[in-house]
Amino acid sequence: MANHGNELDYRDVAMRFISGGSVVSALESFSCKVSPSQFLAIIGPSGCGKSTLINITSGLVQPSSGEVRVGGQPVQGPGPDKAVVFQNFSLFPWKTVRENIDFGLRINGKSLTERRELIDHYIRLIDLVGFENHYPRQLSGGMQQRVAIARSLVMRPRVLLMDEPFGALDAMNRTLMQEELVRVWQELKPTVLFITHSVEEAVYLADRVLVMTRRPGRIKEIIDIDPGAGLPHWRNEPIDVVQLRPRFQELRHHLWNQVRNEIHRSP
């Protein structure tokens, strides 16, 4: 069931930096709402402000103007209600799988009993049984990313922010992790903001895809992923099967053209 406390609301968000004595505008006039438990993918040219948007949403940085709200409340800093999964896994190499997952629970004051129950649950959920006492160096890239996702989900976040989470994986592991993410998201239903450079990944996973302009990043287009004819969302099927559908190719072609036009657009 959707949690109506996990709506994301961007209100005229802008972000500017000082670089070399001049002002660089990363984001301008970014306004949109992400419904509770919706899966929103964001695509756009490199340097268009996608990662900046993740940092603002998580509370790691404050926007130059405008605001972000989660469940109607302004984001004023990081917190367990907003979890971030990065491309580089960001695991502690000296901690085991269990200890990595436990980290956020421990610093947020959860009791030992509650921590053990939650860790056991998410180790099963993300299919890490048998690897609890392994260190990151003993795991494949796909397994390490499973640990990173479990560490984020164990905090029961209202919003899950994913910045190119599968970008460092090989093609086979990337496909497996896409399907794994769908399974876990359907059980927990956080609101997801998913940054990717892969148009195919965006069309496969998301309820909606937001296309950003080149810097300064603005919203160029938001489209609903509609499989057509009242069909259920195709993320429940294997991606290699879905990619053969004419509707999938139509959406992929449209979105890629939108991004390509921004890449080649004159400043």
Protein backbone atom coordinates (compact mmCIF):
# COMPACT_ATOMS: atom_id res chain seq x y z
CA MET A 1 0.00 0.00 0.00
CA ALA A 2 1.29 3.45 -0.89
CA ASN A 3 2.46 5.64 1.95
CA HIS A 4 1.08 9.12 1.39
CA GLY A 5 3.89 10.50 3.52
CA ASN A 6 6.45 9.76 0.82
CA GLU A 7 5.43 12.20 -1.90
CA LEU A 8 8.31 14.20 -3.36
CA ASP A 9 7.60 17.83 -4.22
CA TYR A 10 10.15 20.03 -6.00
CA ARG A 11 9.28 23.72 -5.84
CA ASP A 12 11.22 25.94 -8.24
CA VAL A 13 14.56 24.41 -7.23
CA ALA A 14 17.75 26.08 -8.48
CA MET A 15 21.40 25.36 -7.73
CA ARG A 16 24.35 27.63 -8.51
CA PHE A 17 28.05 27.19 -7.76
CA ILE A 18 31.02 29.52 -7.79
CA SER A 19 33.74 28.13 -10.07
CA GLY A 20 36.84 30.05 -11.09
CA GLY A 21 35.33 33.30 -9.93
CA SER A 22 32.18 32.91 -12.04
CA VAL A 23 28.70 31.58 -11.26
CA VAL A 24 27.81 28.18 -12.74
CA SER A 25 24.13 27.30 -12.84
CA ALA A 26 23.56 23.54 -12.41
CA LEU A 27 19.76 23.54 -11.99
CA GLU A 28 17.11 26.12 -12.81
CA SER A 29 13.34 26.27 -12.28
CA PHE A 30 13.00 22.59 -11.40
CA SER A 31 9.41 21.94 -10.31
CA CYS A 32 7.56 18.63 -10.26
CA LYS A 33 5.77 16.20 -7.96
CA VAL A 34 6.52 12.51 -7.59
CA SER A 35 3.53 10.59 -6.29
CA PRO A 36 3.84 8.29 -3.28
CA SER A 37 5.54 4.99 -4.13
CA GLN A 38 6.10 6.06 -7.73
CA PHE A 39 9.23 5.01 -9.61
CA LEU A 40 10.63 8.04 -11.45
CA ALA A 41 13.67 7.69 -13.72
CA ILE A 42 15.67 10.76 -14.73
CA ILE A 43 17.77 10.89 -17.89
CA GLY A 44 19.67 13.67 -19.62
CA PRO A 45 23.06 14.75 -20.95
CA SER A 46 26.14 14.44 -18.76
CA GLY A 47 26.52 17.47 -16.50
CA CYS A 48 22.84 18.42 -16.58
CA GLY A 49 22.44 18.36 -12.80
CA LYS A 50 21.07 14.85 -12.18
CA SER A 51 23.49 14.04 -9.35
CA THR A 52 23.06 17.56 -7.95
CA LEU A 53 19.34 16.84 -7.74
CA ILE A 54 20.03 13.64 -5.78
CA ASN A 55 22.27 15.54 -3.34
CA ILE A 56 19.62 18.23 -2.81
CA THR A 57 16.85 15.66 -2.33
CA SER A 58 18.89 13.72 0.22
CA GLY A 59 19.60 16.89 2.19
CA LEU A 60 23.36 16.67 1.67
CA VAL A 61 23.32 20.13 0.08
CA GLN A 62 20.83 22.97 0.22
CA PRO A 63 19.53 24.49 -3.03
CA SER A 64 20.40 28.08 -3.90
CA SER A 65 16.67 28.78 -4.11
CA GLY A 66 13.43 26.85 -3.98
CA GLU A 67 12.81 23.80 -1.82
CA VAL A 68 12.19 20.07 -1.80
CA ARG A 69 9.49 18.53 0.36
CA VAL A 70 9.05 14.91 1.43
CA GLY A 71 5.57 14.12 2.68
CA GLY A 72 4.82 17.84 2.82
CA GLN A 73 7.81 18.67 5.03
CA PRO A 74 10.82 20.67 3.74
CA VAL A 75 14.06 18.71 3.43
CA GLN A 76 16.49 20.36 5.84
CA GLY A 77 19.23 17.76 6.01
CA PRO A 78 20.06 14.06 5.68
CA GLY A 79 17.98 11.55 7.59
CA PRO A 80 16.94 7.89 7.64
CA ASP A 81 13.76 8.73 5.71
CA LYS A 82 15.92 9.34 2.60
CA ALA A 83 18.37 6.62 1.54
CA VAL A 84 20.94 6.95 -1.24
CA VAL A 85 22.49 4.18 -3.35
CA PHE A 86 25.52 5.26 -5.37
CA GLN A 87 27.24 3.73 -8.39
CA ASN A 88 30.44 2.90 -6.49
CA PHE A 89 28.70 0.81 -3.78
CA SER A 90 30.29 2.89 -0.94
CA LEU A 91 30.69 -0.10 1.37
CA PHE A 92 33.05 -0.20 4.32
CA PRO A 93 35.78 -2.64 3.20
CA TRP A 94 36.69 -3.59 6.77
CA LYS A 95 33.12 -4.56 7.66
CA THR A 96 31.30 -7.78 6.76
CA VAL A 97 28.00 -7.85 4.87
CA ARG A 98 26.09 -7.99 8.14
CA GLU A 99 28.14 -5.18 9.68
CA ASN A 100 27.68 -2.96 6.62
CA ILE A 101 23.91 -3.42 6.73
CA ASP A 102 23.92 -2.82 10.50
CA PHE A 103 25.78 0.50 10.29
CA GLY A 104 22.80 2.85 9.85
CA LEU A 105 20.68 0.96 12.35
CA ARG A 106 23.37 1.19 15.00
CA ILE A 107 24.05 4.91 14.64
CA ASN A 108 20.29 5.58 14.72
CA GLY A 109 20.00 3.87 18.09
CA LYS A 110 18.06 0.72 17.20
CA SER A 111 18.14 -2.01 19.81
CA LEU A 112 20.28 -5.10 19.24
CA THR A 113 17.21 -7.34 18.95
CA GLU A 114 15.52 -5.08 16.40
CA ARG A 115 18.76 -4.75 14.44
CA ARG A 116 19.21 -8.50 14.21
CA GLU A 117 15.63 -9.04 13.05
CA LEU A 118 15.84 -6.33 10.39
CA ILE A 119 19.24 -7.47 9.12
CA ASP A 120 18.08 -11.07 8.84
CA HIS A 121 14.95 -9.96 6.97
CA TYR A 122 16.82 -7.86 4.42
CA ILE A 123 19.56 -10.43 3.91
CA ARG A 124 16.81 -12.85 2.89
CA LEU A 125 14.95 -10.22 0.88
CA ILE A 126 17.95 -9.22 -1.20
CA ASP A 127 19.20 -12.83 -1.54
CA LEU A 128 22.39 -12.57 0.50
CA VAL A 129 21.88 -15.67 2.66
CA GLY A 130 25.21 -17.46 3.07
CA PHE A 131 27.26 -14.32 2.52
CA GLU A 132 26.59 -12.58 5.85
CA ASN A 133 30.18 -12.83 7.06
CA HIS A 134 31.90 -12.06 3.77
CA TYR A 135 33.84 -8.85 3.24
CA PRO A 136 33.21 -6.66 0.16
CA ARG A 137 36.47 -7.81 -1.47
CA GLN A 138 35.11 -11.36 -1.41
CA LEU A 139 31.97 -10.41 -3.37
CA SER A 140 31.25 -9.74 -7.03
CA GLY A 141 30.16 -6.26 -8.12
CA GLY A 142 26.55 -7.38 -8.29
CA MET A 143 26.71 -8.84 -4.79
CA GLN A 144 28.30 -5.65 -3.44
CA GLN A 145 25.49 -3.59 -4.91
CA ARG A 146 22.97 -5.93 -3.26
CA VAL A 147 24.63 -5.13 0.07
CA ALA A 148 24.45 -1.39 -0.67
CA ILE A 149 20.75 -1.66 -1.49
CA ALA A 150 20.05 -3.75 1.61
CA ARG A 151 21.90 -1.20 3.76
CA SER A 152 19.63 1.52 2.37
CA LEU A 153 16.38 -0.44 2.59
CA VAL A 154 16.97 -1.64 6.17
CA MET A 155 16.34 1.93 7.32
CA ARG A 156 12.79 1.69 5.89
CA PRO A 157 13.21 4.96 3.95
CA ARG A 158 10.25 6.82 2.54
CA VAL A 159 12.37 7.84 -0.44
CA LEU A 160 15.04 5.76 -2.17
CA LEU A 161 17.51 7.81 -4.22
CA MET A 162 19.58 5.85 -6.73
CA ASP A 163 22.41 7.57 -8.62
CA GLU A 164 23.50 5.31 -11.52
CA PRO A 165 23.36 2.31 -9.15
CA PHE A 166 24.09 -0.29 -11.84
CA GLY A 167 26.49 1.75 -13.96
CA ALA A 168 29.58 -0.12 -12.75
CA LEU A 169 28.16 -3.58 -13.40
CA ASP A 170 28.65 -5.79 -16.44
CA ALA A 171 25.65 -6.32 -18.73
CA MET A 172 24.57 -9.62 -17.19
CA ASN A 173 24.73 -8.41 -13.58
CA ARG A 174 23.03 -5.15 -14.56
CA THR A 175 20.07 -7.06 -15.98
CA LEU A 176 19.84 -9.29 -12.91
CA MET A 177 19.97 -6.29 -10.57
CA GLN A 178 17.26 -4.48 -12.54
CA GLU A 179 14.93 -7.44 -12.08
CA GLU A 180 15.95 -7.77 -8.42
CA LEU A 181 15.21 -4.09 -7.80
CA VAL A 182 11.72 -4.49 -9.26
CA ARG A 183 11.01 -7.41 -6.93
CA VAL A 184 12.21 -5.58 -3.82
CA TRP A 185 10.52 -2.28 -4.73
CA GLN A 186 7.18 -4.02 -5.25
CA GLU A 187 7.35 -5.46 -1.73
CA LEU A 188 8.43 -2.27 0.08
CA LYS A 189 7.05 0.49 -2.20
CA PRO A 190 9.27 3.46 -1.33
CA THR A 191 9.18 6.41 -3.69
CA VAL A 192 12.16 5.98 -6.05
CA LEU A 193 14.21 8.62 -7.81
CA PHE A 194 16.46 6.71 -10.23
CA ILE A 195 19.24 8.42 -12.18
CA THR A 196 20.52 6.58 -15.24
CA HIS A 197 22.33 7.14 -18.54
CA SER A 198 20.58 4.10 -20.01
CA VAL A 199 17.36 4.96 -21.83
CA GLU A 200 16.46 1.26 -21.99
CA GLU A 201 16.86 0.92 -18.22
CA ALA A 202 14.64 3.96 -17.63
CA VAL A 203 11.87 2.70 -19.93
CA TYR A 204 11.98 -0.78 -18.39
CA LEU A 205 11.92 0.21 -14.72
CA ALA A 206 10.04 3.48 -14.34
CA ASP A 207 6.43 4.56 -14.03
CA ARG A 208 7.48 7.91 -15.49
CA VAL A 209 10.65 9.15 -17.16
CA LEU A 210 11.82 12.74 -16.75
CA VAL A 211 14.12 14.16 -19.43
CA MET A 212 16.42 17.02 -18.40
CA THR A 213 17.89 19.70 -20.61
CA ARG A 214 21.60 20.33 -20.84
CA ARG A 215 23.04 22.59 -18.14
CA PRO A 216 21.48 24.44 -16.49
CA GLY A 217 19.22 21.45 -15.93
CA ARG A 218 15.54 22.06 -16.44
CA ILE A 219 12.67 19.67 -17.09
CA LYS A 220 12.32 19.13 -20.83
CA GLU A 221 9.63 16.44 -20.74
CA ILE A 222 8.00 13.92 -18.42
CA ILE A 223 6.34 10.92 -20.03
CA ASP A 224 4.28 8.10 -18.54
CA ILE A 225 5.45 4.59 -19.37
CA ASP A 226 2.28 3.09 -20.81
CA PRO A 227 2.67 -0.43 -22.25
CA GLY A 228 -0.57 0.18 -24.13
CA ALA A 229 -4.04 -1.38 -24.35
CA GLY A 230 -4.49 -1.50 -20.57
CA LEU A 231 -1.58 -3.93 -20.16
CA PRO A 232 0.24 -4.19 -16.80
CA HIS A 233 3.67 -2.61 -16.48
CA TRP A 234 6.27 -4.69 -18.30
CA ARG A 235 8.89 -4.51 -15.52
CA ASN A 236 7.32 -7.74 -14.22
CA GLU A 237 8.67 -9.56 -17.29
CA PRO A 238 12.29 -10.27 -18.27
CA ILE A 239 13.88 -7.23 -19.91
CA ASP A 240 15.13 -9.22 -22.92
CA VAL A 241 11.52 -10.16 -23.71
CA VAL A 242 10.18 -6.65 -23.12
CA GLN A 243 12.77 -5.03 -25.38
CA LEU A 244 11.27 -6.85 -28.38
CA ARG A 245 7.92 -5.08 -28.01
CA PRO A 246 7.14 -2.33 -30.53
CA ARG A 247 5.81 -0.05 -27.76
CA PHE A 248 9.06 -0.40 -25.80
CA GLN A 249 11.09 0.48 -28.87
CA GLU A 250 8.80 3.43 -29.63
CA LEU A 251 9.30 4.90 -26.16
CA ARG A 252 13.03 4.18 -26.19
CA HIS A 253 13.42 5.88 -29.58
CA HIS A 254 11.44 8.94 -28.50
CA LEU A 255 13.39 9.41 -25.26
CA TRP A 256 16.78 8.83 -26.87
CA ASN A 257 15.98 11.49 -29.49
CA GLN A 258 15.04 13.91 -26.73
CA VAL A 259 18.37 13.35 -24.96
CA ARG A 260 20.38 13.41 -28.19
CA ASN A 261 18.82 16.72 -29.21
CA GLU A 262 19.95 18.20 -25.90
CA ILE A 263 23.49 16.84 -26.32
CA HIS A 264 23.79 18.50 -29.74
CA ARG A 265 21.90 21.69 -28.87
CA SER A 266 23.97 24.84 -29.04
CA PRO A 267 24.65 26.49 -25.66
